[in-house]
């Protein structure tokens, strides 16, 4: 396993690209995003130290379904796919936890798709902030309005409109490049049910 630094907006995988290495994050988080033919982009999953970046390596074709980009800077341990295959070939702890994580990850993607279809932007924004807070384990998130807009699939101006009432309620404090969570409980009350359901599934499978 090779230590590697992760920088914001660093692309770890392109959609459809062959996966040659996987990443176990120590700090920070990465986003799996879907890019539509017209260029619109939206996040479908977030990966932190609870999981593995490069789950597609476990499939027969070993390709990435989505583009994966670093969301919050940090560091990771990189492992060649061949090594992962050798370690996961026997029925040991790694193989078992990877199977559990695959189930949890699919749950997260399912709820992300449904959430993006049916829930208002403010609820989805609160969910995103909570998930990022869980992965980064820091209240101050280094993220711009532009990047948050990409993650939510909305225009940058819409992000400002969504964050303004959260600021007024004392739930967050935001500047040009950071969003600080001040009241996590308040965000949970405003977030859609998707956050708690996915969080409970991760806790059930991986705790």
N, C-alpha and C. Protein backbone atom coordinates (compact mmCIF):
# COMPACT_ATOMS: atom_id res chain seq x y z
N UNK A 1 0.85 -1.18 0.00
CA UNK A 1 0.00 0.00 0.00
C UNK A 1 0.89 1.23 0.00
N UNK A 2 0.61 2.14 -0.92
CA UNK A 2 1.45 3.32 -1.11
C UNK A 2 0.72 4.57 -0.63
N UNK A 3 1.32 5.35 0.28
CA UNK A 3 0.69 6.61 0.71
C UNK A 3 0.62 7.59 -0.45
N UNK A 4 -0.52 8.32 -0.54
CA UNK A 4 -0.69 9.29 -1.61
C UNK A 4 -1.54 10.45 -1.09
N UNK A 5 -1.15 11.67 -1.46
CA UNK A 5 -1.93 12.86 -1.10
C UNK A 5 -3.08 13.02 -2.08
N UNK A 6 -4.20 13.53 -1.57
CA UNK A 6 -5.38 13.76 -2.40
C UNK A 6 -5.71 15.25 -2.38
N UNK A 7 -5.79 15.85 -3.55
CA UNK A 7 -6.09 17.27 -3.68
C UNK A 7 -7.51 17.48 -4.19
N UNK A 8 -8.11 18.58 -3.77
CA UNK A 8 -9.47 18.90 -4.18
C UNK A 8 -9.58 18.93 -5.70
N UNK A 9 -10.64 18.31 -6.22
CA UNK A 9 -10.95 18.21 -7.65
C UNK A 9 -10.02 17.26 -8.41
N UNK A 10 -9.13 16.58 -7.70
CA UNK A 10 -8.29 15.58 -8.36
C UNK A 10 -9.16 14.42 -8.84
N UNK A 11 -9.05 14.06 -10.10
CA UNK A 11 -9.85 12.97 -10.67
C UNK A 11 -9.12 11.65 -10.44
N UNK A 12 -9.77 10.74 -9.72
CA UNK A 12 -9.18 9.43 -9.45
C UNK A 12 -9.52 8.43 -10.54
N UNK A 13 -10.75 8.52 -11.07
CA UNK A 13 -11.18 7.64 -12.16
C UNK A 13 -12.08 8.42 -13.11
N UNK A 14 -11.94 8.15 -14.40
CA UNK A 14 -12.89 8.63 -15.39
C UNK A 14 -13.94 7.56 -15.62
N UNK A 15 -15.15 7.97 -15.94
CA UNK A 15 -16.22 7.01 -16.22
C UNK A 15 -15.82 6.13 -17.40
N UNK A 16 -15.92 4.83 -17.23
CA UNK A 16 -15.60 3.89 -18.28
C UNK A 16 -14.13 3.51 -18.36
N UNK A 17 -13.30 4.16 -17.53
CA UNK A 17 -11.87 3.88 -17.58
C UNK A 17 -11.53 2.60 -16.82
N UNK A 18 -10.46 1.96 -17.23
CA UNK A 18 -9.98 0.76 -16.54
C UNK A 18 -9.41 1.14 -15.18
N UNK A 19 -9.73 0.35 -14.16
CA UNK A 19 -9.24 0.60 -12.80
C UNK A 19 -7.99 -0.23 -12.58
N UNK A 20 -6.88 0.44 -12.35
CA UNK A 20 -5.61 -0.24 -12.13
C UNK A 20 -5.19 -0.23 -10.66
N UNK A 21 -5.71 0.76 -9.91
CA UNK A 21 -5.41 0.87 -8.48
C UNK A 21 -6.68 1.26 -7.74
N UNK A 22 -6.74 0.91 -6.47
CA UNK A 22 -7.85 1.33 -5.61
C UNK A 22 -7.28 2.17 -4.47
N UNK A 23 -8.16 2.91 -3.79
CA UNK A 23 -7.72 3.84 -2.75
C UNK A 23 -8.49 3.61 -1.46
N UNK A 24 -7.75 3.45 -0.35
CA UNK A 24 -8.34 3.41 0.98
C UNK A 24 -8.05 4.76 1.63
N UNK A 25 -9.08 5.59 1.78
CA UNK A 25 -8.89 6.94 2.30
C UNK A 25 -8.62 6.94 3.80
N UNK A 26 -7.66 7.75 4.22
CA UNK A 26 -7.41 8.00 5.64
C UNK A 26 -8.09 9.29 6.09
N UNK A 27 -8.00 10.32 5.25
CA UNK A 27 -8.65 11.61 5.50
C UNK A 27 -9.24 12.12 4.21
N UNK A 28 -10.27 12.97 4.35
CA UNK A 28 -10.90 13.55 3.19
C UNK A 28 -12.01 12.68 2.64
N UNK A 29 -12.50 13.03 1.47
CA UNK A 29 -13.59 12.27 0.85
C UNK A 29 -13.54 12.44 -0.66
N UNK A 30 -14.18 11.52 -1.34
CA UNK A 30 -14.28 11.55 -2.80
C UNK A 30 -15.73 11.40 -3.22
N UNK A 31 -16.07 11.93 -4.38
CA UNK A 31 -17.43 11.87 -4.90
C UNK A 31 -17.48 11.07 -6.18
N UNK A 32 -18.43 10.16 -6.24
CA UNK A 32 -18.73 9.48 -7.50
C UNK A 32 -19.82 10.28 -8.18
N UNK A 33 -19.56 10.78 -9.38
CA UNK A 33 -20.50 11.65 -10.06
C UNK A 33 -20.87 11.07 -11.42
N UNK A 34 -22.08 11.40 -11.85
CA UNK A 34 -22.54 11.04 -13.18
C UNK A 34 -22.57 12.29 -14.04
N UNK A 35 -21.95 12.21 -15.21
CA UNK A 35 -21.90 13.35 -16.14
C UNK A 35 -22.79 13.02 -17.33
N UNK A 36 -23.81 13.84 -17.55
CA UNK A 36 -24.75 13.63 -18.63
C UNK A 36 -24.17 14.11 -19.96
N UNK A 37 -24.74 13.67 -21.08
CA UNK A 37 -24.24 14.09 -22.40
C UNK A 37 -24.22 15.61 -22.58
N UNK A 38 -25.15 16.32 -21.92
CA UNK A 38 -25.18 17.78 -22.07
C UNK A 38 -24.20 18.48 -21.13
N UNK A 39 -23.44 17.70 -20.34
CA UNK A 39 -22.44 18.28 -19.46
C UNK A 39 -22.89 18.45 -18.02
N UNK A 40 -24.20 18.31 -17.76
CA UNK A 40 -24.68 18.42 -16.39
C UNK A 40 -24.11 17.29 -15.53
N UNK A 41 -23.72 17.64 -14.32
CA UNK A 41 -23.07 16.69 -13.42
C UNK A 41 -23.80 16.65 -12.09
N UNK A 42 -23.91 15.46 -11.50
CA UNK A 42 -24.54 15.33 -10.19
C UNK A 42 -23.90 14.18 -9.43
N UNK A 43 -23.77 14.35 -8.13
CA UNK A 43 -23.15 13.32 -7.30
C UNK A 43 -24.14 12.19 -7.02
N UNK A 44 -23.61 10.96 -7.04
CA UNK A 44 -24.45 9.80 -6.73
C UNK A 44 -23.96 9.05 -5.50
N UNK A 45 -22.75 9.33 -5.03
CA UNK A 45 -22.24 8.67 -3.82
C UNK A 45 -21.02 9.42 -3.30
N UNK A 46 -20.78 9.29 -2.00
CA UNK A 46 -19.61 9.87 -1.35
C UNK A 46 -18.83 8.76 -0.66
N UNK A 47 -17.51 8.79 -0.80
CA UNK A 47 -16.66 7.77 -0.19
C UNK A 47 -15.67 8.43 0.74
N UNK A 48 -15.57 7.90 1.95
CA UNK A 48 -14.58 8.36 2.92
C UNK A 48 -13.76 7.19 3.42
N UNK A 49 -13.27 7.30 4.65
CA UNK A 49 -12.40 6.25 5.17
C UNK A 49 -13.16 4.97 5.53
N UNK A 50 -14.50 5.04 5.46
CA UNK A 50 -15.29 3.85 5.74
C UNK A 50 -15.28 2.85 4.59
N UNK A 51 -14.79 3.30 3.42
CA UNK A 51 -14.94 2.44 2.25
C UNK A 51 -13.73 2.39 1.35
N UNK A 52 -13.99 2.07 0.11
CA UNK A 52 -12.96 1.85 -0.89
C UNK A 52 -13.31 2.64 -2.15
N UNK A 53 -12.37 3.40 -2.66
CA UNK A 53 -12.55 4.09 -3.94
C UNK A 53 -12.03 3.16 -5.04
N UNK A 54 -12.96 2.70 -5.88
CA UNK A 54 -12.58 1.79 -6.94
C UNK A 54 -13.27 0.44 -6.84
N UNK A 55 -14.51 0.45 -6.37
CA UNK A 55 -15.26 -0.80 -6.23
C UNK A 55 -15.41 -1.54 -7.56
N UNK A 56 -15.36 -0.80 -8.66
CA UNK A 56 -15.48 -1.42 -9.97
C UNK A 56 -14.39 -2.45 -10.24
N UNK A 57 -13.29 -2.37 -9.47
CA UNK A 57 -12.20 -3.33 -9.64
C UNK A 57 -12.63 -4.75 -9.27
N UNK A 58 -13.72 -4.86 -8.52
CA UNK A 58 -14.20 -6.17 -8.11
C UNK A 58 -15.11 -6.80 -9.16
N UNK A 59 -15.46 -6.01 -10.20
CA UNK A 59 -16.27 -6.56 -11.28
C UNK A 59 -15.39 -7.22 -12.33
N UNK A 60 -16.01 -7.99 -13.20
CA UNK A 60 -15.25 -8.72 -14.21
C UNK A 60 -14.53 -7.78 -15.18
N UNK A 61 -15.21 -6.67 -15.56
CA UNK A 61 -14.59 -5.78 -16.56
C UNK A 61 -13.62 -4.78 -15.95
N UNK A 62 -13.64 -4.62 -14.62
CA UNK A 62 -12.71 -3.75 -13.89
C UNK A 62 -12.69 -2.32 -14.44
N UNK A 63 -13.87 -1.76 -14.65
CA UNK A 63 -13.97 -0.37 -15.10
C UNK A 63 -14.79 0.44 -14.11
N UNK A 64 -14.61 1.74 -14.15
CA UNK A 64 -15.33 2.64 -13.26
C UNK A 64 -16.65 3.08 -13.90
N UNK A 65 -17.74 2.87 -13.21
CA UNK A 65 -19.05 3.27 -13.72
C UNK A 65 -19.18 4.79 -13.77
N UNK A 66 -18.62 5.46 -12.76
CA UNK A 66 -18.74 6.91 -12.64
C UNK A 66 -17.37 7.58 -12.66
N UNK A 67 -17.37 8.88 -12.86
CA UNK A 67 -16.16 9.66 -12.61
C UNK A 67 -16.05 9.85 -11.10
N UNK A 68 -14.86 9.68 -10.57
CA UNK A 68 -14.64 9.84 -9.13
C UNK A 68 -13.63 10.96 -8.93
N UNK A 69 -14.04 11.98 -8.17
CA UNK A 69 -13.21 13.17 -7.98
C UNK A 69 -13.09 13.46 -6.49
N UNK A 70 -11.93 13.93 -6.06
CA UNK A 70 -11.72 14.27 -4.66
C UNK A 70 -12.59 15.46 -4.29
N UNK A 71 -13.36 15.29 -3.25
CA UNK A 71 -14.29 16.31 -2.79
C UNK A 71 -13.66 17.16 -1.69
N UNK A 72 -13.03 16.50 -0.72
CA UNK A 72 -12.34 17.17 0.38
C UNK A 72 -10.92 16.62 0.46
N UNK A 73 -9.93 17.50 0.46
CA UNK A 73 -8.53 17.07 0.41
C UNK A 73 -8.17 16.19 1.60
N UNK A 74 -7.23 15.29 1.38
CA UNK A 74 -6.79 14.40 2.44
C UNK A 74 -5.66 13.52 1.95
N UNK A 75 -5.66 12.27 2.40
CA UNK A 75 -4.64 11.33 1.95
C UNK A 75 -5.22 9.93 1.97
N UNK A 76 -4.55 9.03 1.26
CA UNK A 76 -5.06 7.67 1.12
C UNK A 76 -3.90 6.69 0.97
N UNK A 77 -4.24 5.41 1.03
CA UNK A 77 -3.31 4.34 0.72
C UNK A 77 -3.76 3.71 -0.59
N UNK A 78 -2.86 3.68 -1.57
CA UNK A 78 -3.19 3.16 -2.88
C UNK A 78 -2.68 1.71 -3.00
N UNK A 79 -3.54 0.86 -3.58
CA UNK A 79 -3.19 -0.55 -3.74
C UNK A 79 -3.45 -0.97 -5.18
N UNK A 80 -2.51 -1.69 -5.78
CA UNK A 80 -2.71 -2.21 -7.12
C UNK A 80 -3.85 -3.21 -7.13
N UNK A 81 -4.60 -3.24 -8.22
CA UNK A 81 -5.75 -4.14 -8.31
C UNK A 81 -5.33 -5.60 -8.17
N UNK A 82 -4.17 -5.95 -8.73
CA UNK A 82 -3.71 -7.34 -8.64
C UNK A 82 -3.52 -7.77 -7.19
N UNK A 83 -3.02 -6.84 -6.37
CA UNK A 83 -2.81 -7.15 -4.95
C UNK A 83 -4.16 -7.30 -4.25
N UNK A 84 -5.10 -6.41 -4.56
CA UNK A 84 -6.43 -6.51 -3.96
C UNK A 84 -7.08 -7.84 -4.29
N UNK A 85 -6.95 -8.27 -5.54
CA UNK A 85 -7.54 -9.55 -5.96
C UNK A 85 -6.93 -10.71 -5.18
N UNK A 86 -5.62 -10.67 -5.00
CA UNK A 86 -4.96 -11.74 -4.24
C UNK A 86 -5.44 -11.77 -2.79
N UNK A 87 -5.54 -10.57 -2.19
CA UNK A 87 -5.93 -10.51 -0.78
C UNK A 87 -7.39 -10.88 -0.56
N UNK A 88 -8.23 -10.60 -1.57
CA UNK A 88 -9.66 -10.86 -1.44
C UNK A 88 -10.06 -12.23 -1.98
N UNK A 89 -9.08 -12.98 -2.49
CA UNK A 89 -9.38 -14.29 -3.09
C UNK A 89 -9.81 -15.31 -2.06
N UNK A 90 -9.26 -15.21 -0.86
CA UNK A 90 -9.62 -16.16 0.20
C UNK A 90 -10.75 -15.58 1.05
N UNK A 91 -11.47 -16.45 1.73
CA UNK A 91 -12.62 -16.01 2.52
C UNK A 91 -12.14 -15.50 3.88
N UNK A 92 -11.49 -14.33 3.85
CA UNK A 92 -10.97 -13.73 5.07
C UNK A 92 -11.70 -12.43 5.40
N UNK A 93 -11.18 -11.68 6.39
CA UNK A 93 -11.82 -10.44 6.82
C UNK A 93 -11.99 -9.41 5.70
N UNK A 94 -10.96 -9.24 4.85
CA UNK A 94 -11.06 -8.23 3.79
C UNK A 94 -12.19 -8.56 2.83
N UNK A 95 -12.29 -9.79 2.40
CA UNK A 95 -13.34 -10.19 1.46
C UNK A 95 -14.72 -9.97 2.07
N UNK A 96 -14.87 -10.31 3.34
CA UNK A 96 -16.18 -10.15 3.98
C UNK A 96 -16.58 -8.68 4.11
N UNK A 97 -15.62 -7.83 4.51
CA UNK A 97 -15.96 -6.42 4.70
C UNK A 97 -16.20 -5.73 3.36
N UNK A 98 -15.51 -6.17 2.31
CA UNK A 98 -15.75 -5.60 0.98
C UNK A 98 -17.17 -5.92 0.51
N UNK A 99 -17.62 -7.13 0.78
CA UNK A 99 -18.99 -7.50 0.40
C UNK A 99 -20.01 -6.65 1.17
N UNK A 100 -19.77 -6.44 2.44
CA UNK A 100 -20.67 -5.61 3.23
C UNK A 100 -20.66 -4.17 2.72
N UNK A 101 -19.48 -3.67 2.38
CA UNK A 101 -19.39 -2.31 1.88
C UNK A 101 -20.08 -2.17 0.53
N UNK A 102 -19.98 -3.17 -0.32
CA UNK A 102 -20.68 -3.13 -1.61
C UNK A 102 -22.18 -2.96 -1.39
N UNK A 103 -22.73 -3.67 -0.42
CA UNK A 103 -24.16 -3.56 -0.12
C UNK A 103 -24.51 -2.16 0.37
N UNK A 104 -23.69 -1.64 1.29
CA UNK A 104 -23.94 -0.29 1.81
C UNK A 104 -23.81 0.76 0.71
N UNK A 105 -22.82 0.60 -0.16
CA UNK A 105 -22.59 1.55 -1.23
C UNK A 105 -23.76 1.57 -2.21
N UNK A 106 -24.28 0.38 -2.55
CA UNK A 106 -25.45 0.31 -3.44
C UNK A 106 -26.65 1.00 -2.82
N UNK A 107 -26.80 0.85 -1.51
CA UNK A 107 -27.90 1.53 -0.81
C UNK A 107 -27.75 3.03 -0.93
N UNK A 108 -26.53 3.52 -0.72
CA UNK A 108 -26.28 4.96 -0.84
C UNK A 108 -26.60 5.47 -2.24
N UNK A 109 -26.18 4.75 -3.26
CA UNK A 109 -26.44 5.18 -4.62
C UNK A 109 -27.94 5.18 -4.93
N UNK A 110 -28.65 4.16 -4.44
CA UNK A 110 -30.09 4.07 -4.68
C UNK A 110 -30.81 5.27 -4.09
N UNK A 111 -30.49 5.60 -2.84
CA UNK A 111 -31.15 6.72 -2.19
C UNK A 111 -30.73 8.05 -2.80
N UNK A 112 -29.50 8.15 -3.29
CA UNK A 112 -29.06 9.38 -3.94
C UNK A 112 -29.88 9.65 -5.20
N UNK A 113 -30.11 8.60 -5.99
CA UNK A 113 -30.90 8.76 -7.21
C UNK A 113 -32.32 9.21 -6.88
N UNK A 114 -32.94 8.53 -5.92
CA UNK A 114 -34.31 8.88 -5.52
C UNK A 114 -34.35 10.29 -4.94
N UNK A 115 -33.39 10.60 -4.09
CA UNK A 115 -33.34 11.91 -3.43
C UNK A 115 -33.23 13.03 -4.46
N UNK A 116 -32.36 12.86 -5.44
CA UNK A 116 -32.17 13.89 -6.47
C UNK A 116 -33.43 14.10 -7.31
N UNK A 117 -34.29 13.07 -7.36
CA UNK A 117 -35.51 13.16 -8.16
C UNK A 117 -36.66 13.83 -7.42
N UNK A 118 -36.80 13.55 -6.10
CA UNK A 118 -38.04 13.91 -5.42
C UNK A 118 -37.90 14.94 -4.31
N UNK A 119 -36.70 15.20 -3.80
CA UNK A 119 -36.59 16.09 -2.65
C UNK A 119 -36.10 17.49 -3.04
N UNK A 120 -36.56 18.52 -2.30
CA UNK A 120 -36.15 19.90 -2.59
C UNK A 120 -34.65 20.09 -2.39
N UNK A 121 -34.12 21.12 -3.02
CA UNK A 121 -32.68 21.37 -2.99
C UNK A 121 -32.19 21.59 -1.56
N UNK A 122 -32.96 22.31 -0.74
CA UNK A 122 -32.50 22.59 0.62
C UNK A 122 -32.31 21.29 1.42
N UNK A 123 -33.25 20.36 1.30
CA UNK A 123 -33.12 19.09 2.00
C UNK A 123 -31.91 18.32 1.49
N UNK A 124 -31.71 18.33 0.18
CA UNK A 124 -30.57 17.61 -0.40
C UNK A 124 -29.24 18.25 0.02
N UNK A 125 -29.23 19.59 0.13
CA UNK A 125 -28.03 20.29 0.57
C UNK A 125 -27.69 19.91 2.01
N UNK A 126 -28.69 19.86 2.88
CA UNK A 126 -28.47 19.47 4.27
C UNK A 126 -27.93 18.04 4.33
N UNK A 127 -28.50 17.16 3.51
CA UNK A 127 -28.02 15.77 3.47
C UNK A 127 -26.55 15.73 3.04
N UNK A 128 -26.21 16.49 2.01
CA UNK A 128 -24.84 16.50 1.50
C UNK A 128 -23.87 17.00 2.57
N UNK A 129 -24.24 18.06 3.27
CA UNK A 129 -23.36 18.59 4.31
C UNK A 129 -23.16 17.58 5.43
N UNK A 130 -24.22 16.86 5.80
CA UNK A 130 -24.11 15.86 6.86
C UNK A 130 -23.23 14.69 6.44
N UNK A 131 -23.43 14.22 5.21
CA UNK A 131 -22.62 13.11 4.71
C UNK A 131 -21.14 13.52 4.63
N UNK A 132 -20.88 14.72 4.15
CA UNK A 132 -19.50 15.21 4.05
C UNK A 132 -18.88 15.36 5.44
N UNK A 133 -19.67 15.82 6.39
CA UNK A 133 -19.22 15.94 7.76
C UNK A 133 -18.87 14.58 8.35
N UNK A 134 -19.69 13.57 8.06
CA UNK A 134 -19.40 12.21 8.51
C UNK A 134 -18.08 11.70 7.95
N UNK A 135 -17.86 11.94 6.65
CA UNK A 135 -16.67 11.40 5.99
C UNK A 135 -15.42 12.17 6.41
N UNK A 136 -15.49 13.49 6.45
CA UNK A 136 -14.31 14.30 6.76
C UNK A 136 -14.03 14.35 8.25
N UNK A 137 -15.07 14.13 9.07
CA UNK A 137 -14.96 14.23 10.53
C UNK A 137 -14.43 15.60 10.96
N UNK A 138 -14.81 16.61 10.20
CA UNK A 138 -14.46 17.99 10.51
C UNK A 138 -15.68 18.87 10.27
N UNK A 139 -15.86 19.88 11.12
CA UNK A 139 -17.01 20.78 10.96
C UNK A 139 -16.78 21.82 9.87
N UNK A 140 -15.52 22.13 9.59
CA UNK A 140 -15.21 23.10 8.53
C UNK A 140 -14.89 22.34 7.26
N UNK A 141 -15.74 22.52 6.25
CA UNK A 141 -15.59 21.83 4.98
C UNK A 141 -15.06 22.80 3.93
N UNK A 142 -13.96 22.44 3.30
CA UNK A 142 -13.38 23.28 2.25
C UNK A 142 -14.11 23.00 0.94
N UNK A 143 -15.10 23.81 0.66
CA UNK A 143 -15.89 23.60 -0.56
C UNK A 143 -16.44 24.95 -1.03
N UNK A 144 -16.35 25.18 -2.32
CA UNK A 144 -16.87 26.42 -2.90
C UNK A 144 -18.34 26.24 -3.30
N UNK A 145 -19.02 27.36 -3.51
CA UNK A 145 -20.41 27.30 -3.97
C UNK A 145 -20.50 26.61 -5.32
N UNK A 146 -19.51 26.87 -6.17
CA UNK A 146 -19.51 26.27 -7.49
C UNK A 146 -19.45 24.74 -7.39
N UNK A 147 -18.54 24.24 -6.54
CA UNK A 147 -18.39 22.79 -6.40
C UNK A 147 -19.63 22.17 -5.77
N UNK A 148 -20.21 22.83 -4.77
CA UNK A 148 -21.42 22.32 -4.13
C UNK A 148 -22.56 22.29 -5.14
N UNK A 149 -22.62 23.28 -6.01
CA UNK A 149 -23.65 23.28 -7.06
C UNK A 149 -23.51 22.08 -7.98
N UNK A 150 -22.27 21.73 -8.33
CA UNK A 150 -22.04 20.56 -9.17
C UNK A 150 -22.50 19.29 -8.45
N UNK A 151 -22.19 19.19 -7.17
CA UNK A 151 -22.57 18.01 -6.40
C UNK A 151 -24.09 17.86 -6.31
N UNK A 152 -24.79 19.00 -6.23
CA UNK A 152 -26.26 18.97 -6.09
C UNK A 152 -26.97 19.03 -7.44
N UNK A 153 -26.21 19.29 -8.51
CA UNK A 153 -26.83 19.37 -9.82
C UNK A 153 -27.64 20.63 -10.03
N UNK A 154 -27.19 21.76 -9.42
CA UNK A 154 -27.91 23.03 -9.55
C UNK A 154 -26.93 24.14 -9.91
N UNK A 155 -27.46 25.30 -10.29
CA UNK A 155 -26.63 26.44 -10.63
C UNK A 155 -25.99 27.03 -9.36
N UNK A 156 -24.87 27.71 -9.53
CA UNK A 156 -24.16 28.30 -8.40
C UNK A 156 -25.06 29.29 -7.65
N UNK A 157 -25.85 30.08 -8.38
CA UNK A 157 -26.73 31.06 -7.73
C UNK A 157 -27.74 30.38 -6.83
N UNK A 158 -28.17 29.18 -7.20
CA UNK A 158 -29.13 28.43 -6.38
C UNK A 158 -28.51 28.02 -5.05
N UNK A 159 -27.22 27.72 -5.07
CA UNK A 159 -26.53 27.34 -3.83
C UNK A 159 -26.56 28.49 -2.83
N UNK A 160 -26.31 29.70 -3.31
CA UNK A 160 -26.36 30.88 -2.43
C UNK A 160 -27.74 31.05 -1.83
N UNK A 161 -28.79 30.83 -2.63
CA UNK A 161 -30.16 30.96 -2.14
C UNK A 161 -30.47 29.90 -1.08
N UNK A 162 -29.89 28.72 -1.23
CA UNK A 162 -30.14 27.63 -0.27
C UNK A 162 -29.38 27.86 1.03
N UNK A 163 -28.14 28.32 0.92
CA UNK A 163 -27.32 28.50 2.12
C UNK A 163 -27.74 29.71 2.95
N UNK A 164 -28.34 30.71 2.32
CA UNK A 164 -28.68 31.94 3.04
C UNK A 164 -29.58 31.67 4.24
N UNK A 165 -30.71 30.95 4.10
CA UNK A 165 -31.54 30.69 5.28
C UNK A 165 -30.85 29.80 6.30
N UNK A 166 -29.97 28.90 5.87
CA UNK A 166 -29.24 28.06 6.82
C UNK A 166 -28.30 28.91 7.66
N UNK A 167 -27.73 29.95 7.04
CA UNK A 167 -26.92 30.91 7.78
C UNK A 167 -27.76 31.67 8.79
N UNK A 168 -28.92 32.15 8.36
CA UNK A 168 -29.79 32.95 9.24
C UNK A 168 -30.29 32.13 10.42
N UNK A 169 -30.47 30.83 10.22
CA UNK A 169 -30.92 29.96 11.32
C UNK A 169 -29.78 29.52 12.23
N UNK A 170 -28.56 29.92 11.89
CA UNK A 170 -27.42 29.57 12.72
C UNK A 170 -26.96 28.13 12.58
N UNK A 171 -27.33 27.49 11.46
CA UNK A 171 -26.95 26.09 11.25
C UNK A 171 -25.56 25.97 10.64
N UNK A 172 -25.22 26.91 9.75
CA UNK A 172 -23.92 26.91 9.10
C UNK A 172 -23.38 28.33 9.02
N UNK A 173 -22.11 28.44 8.73
CA UNK A 173 -21.48 29.72 8.40
C UNK A 173 -20.65 29.47 7.16
N UNK A 174 -20.87 30.25 6.14
CA UNK A 174 -20.13 29.99 4.90
C UNK A 174 -19.40 31.23 4.40
N UNK A 175 -18.29 30.97 3.74
CA UNK A 175 -17.51 32.01 3.08
C UNK A 175 -17.31 31.55 1.64
N UNK A 176 -16.39 32.18 0.93
CA UNK A 176 -16.21 31.84 -0.48
C UNK A 176 -15.74 30.40 -0.68
N UNK A 177 -14.91 29.91 0.25
CA UNK A 177 -14.29 28.60 0.03
C UNK A 177 -14.54 27.59 1.17
N UNK A 178 -15.28 27.98 2.18
CA UNK A 178 -15.55 27.04 3.28
C UNK A 178 -17.00 27.13 3.73
N UNK A 179 -17.49 26.01 4.24
CA UNK A 179 -18.79 25.96 4.90
C UNK A 179 -18.56 25.30 6.25
N UNK A 180 -18.88 26.01 7.33
CA UNK A 180 -18.68 25.48 8.68
C UNK A 180 -20.02 25.08 9.28
N UNK A 181 -20.10 23.84 9.74
CA UNK A 181 -21.33 23.35 10.37
C UNK A 181 -21.35 23.80 11.83
N UNK A 182 -22.38 24.55 12.19
CA UNK A 182 -22.51 25.08 13.55
C UNK A 182 -23.53 24.30 14.37
N UNK A 183 -24.56 23.78 13.74
CA UNK A 183 -25.63 23.07 14.43
C UNK A 183 -25.99 21.81 13.64
N UNK A 184 -25.31 20.72 13.95
CA UNK A 184 -25.54 19.48 13.21
C UNK A 184 -26.95 18.94 13.43
N UNK A 185 -27.44 19.05 14.67
CA UNK A 185 -28.80 18.58 14.97
C UNK A 185 -29.84 19.31 14.15
N UNK A 186 -29.64 20.63 13.97
CA UNK A 186 -30.57 21.40 13.16
C UNK A 186 -30.55 20.97 11.71
N UNK A 187 -29.37 20.66 11.19
CA UNK A 187 -29.27 20.17 9.81
C UNK A 187 -29.98 18.83 9.66
N UNK A 188 -29.84 17.95 10.66
CA UNK A 188 -30.49 16.65 10.58
C UNK A 188 -32.01 16.80 10.57
N UNK A 189 -32.53 17.77 11.30
CA UNK A 189 -33.98 17.98 11.32
C UNK A 189 -34.49 18.50 9.98
N UNK A 190 -33.66 19.26 9.26
CA UNK A 190 -34.07 19.80 7.96
C UNK A 190 -33.81 18.83 6.81
N UNK A 191 -32.85 17.93 6.99
CA UNK A 191 -32.48 17.02 5.90
C UNK A 191 -33.61 16.04 5.63
N UNK A 192 -33.62 15.50 4.42
CA UNK A 192 -34.61 14.48 4.06
C UNK A 192 -34.29 13.17 4.78
N UNK A 193 -35.25 12.26 4.74
CA UNK A 193 -35.10 10.98 5.43
C UNK A 193 -34.00 10.12 4.82
N UNK A 194 -33.57 10.44 3.61
CA UNK A 194 -32.53 9.64 2.95
C UNK A 194 -31.25 9.58 3.77
N UNK A 195 -30.88 10.71 4.41
CA UNK A 195 -29.63 10.73 5.17
C UNK A 195 -29.66 9.70 6.28
N UNK A 196 -30.70 9.70 7.10
CA UNK A 196 -30.75 8.80 8.25
C UNK A 196 -30.85 7.35 7.82
N UNK A 197 -31.59 7.07 6.76
CA UNK A 197 -31.74 5.69 6.31
C UNK A 197 -30.42 5.12 5.82
N UNK A 198 -29.69 5.90 5.05
CA UNK A 198 -28.39 5.43 4.56
C UNK A 198 -27.40 5.32 5.71
N UNK A 199 -27.40 6.28 6.61
CA UNK A 199 -26.50 6.24 7.77
C UNK A 199 -26.77 5.00 8.60
N UNK A 200 -28.05 4.68 8.83
CA UNK A 200 -28.39 3.50 9.61
C UNK A 200 -27.91 2.21 8.93
N UNK A 201 -27.99 2.18 7.59
CA UNK A 201 -27.55 0.99 6.86
C UNK A 201 -26.03 0.83 6.96
N UNK A 202 -25.30 1.91 6.85
CA UNK A 202 -23.84 1.83 7.02
C UNK A 202 -23.48 1.37 8.43
N UNK A 203 -24.18 1.91 9.43
CA UNK A 203 -23.92 1.50 10.81
C UNK A 203 -24.24 0.02 11.01
N UNK A 204 -25.34 -0.43 10.43
CA UNK A 204 -25.76 -1.82 10.60
C UNK A 204 -24.75 -2.78 9.98
N UNK A 205 -24.26 -2.43 8.80
CA UNK A 205 -23.39 -3.35 8.08
C UNK A 205 -21.92 -3.26 8.49
N UNK A 206 -21.46 -2.06 8.85
CA UNK A 206 -20.02 -1.85 9.02
C UNK A 206 -19.59 -1.48 10.43
N UNK A 207 -20.53 -1.33 11.35
CA UNK A 207 -20.12 -0.92 12.69
C UNK A 207 -19.32 -2.00 13.40
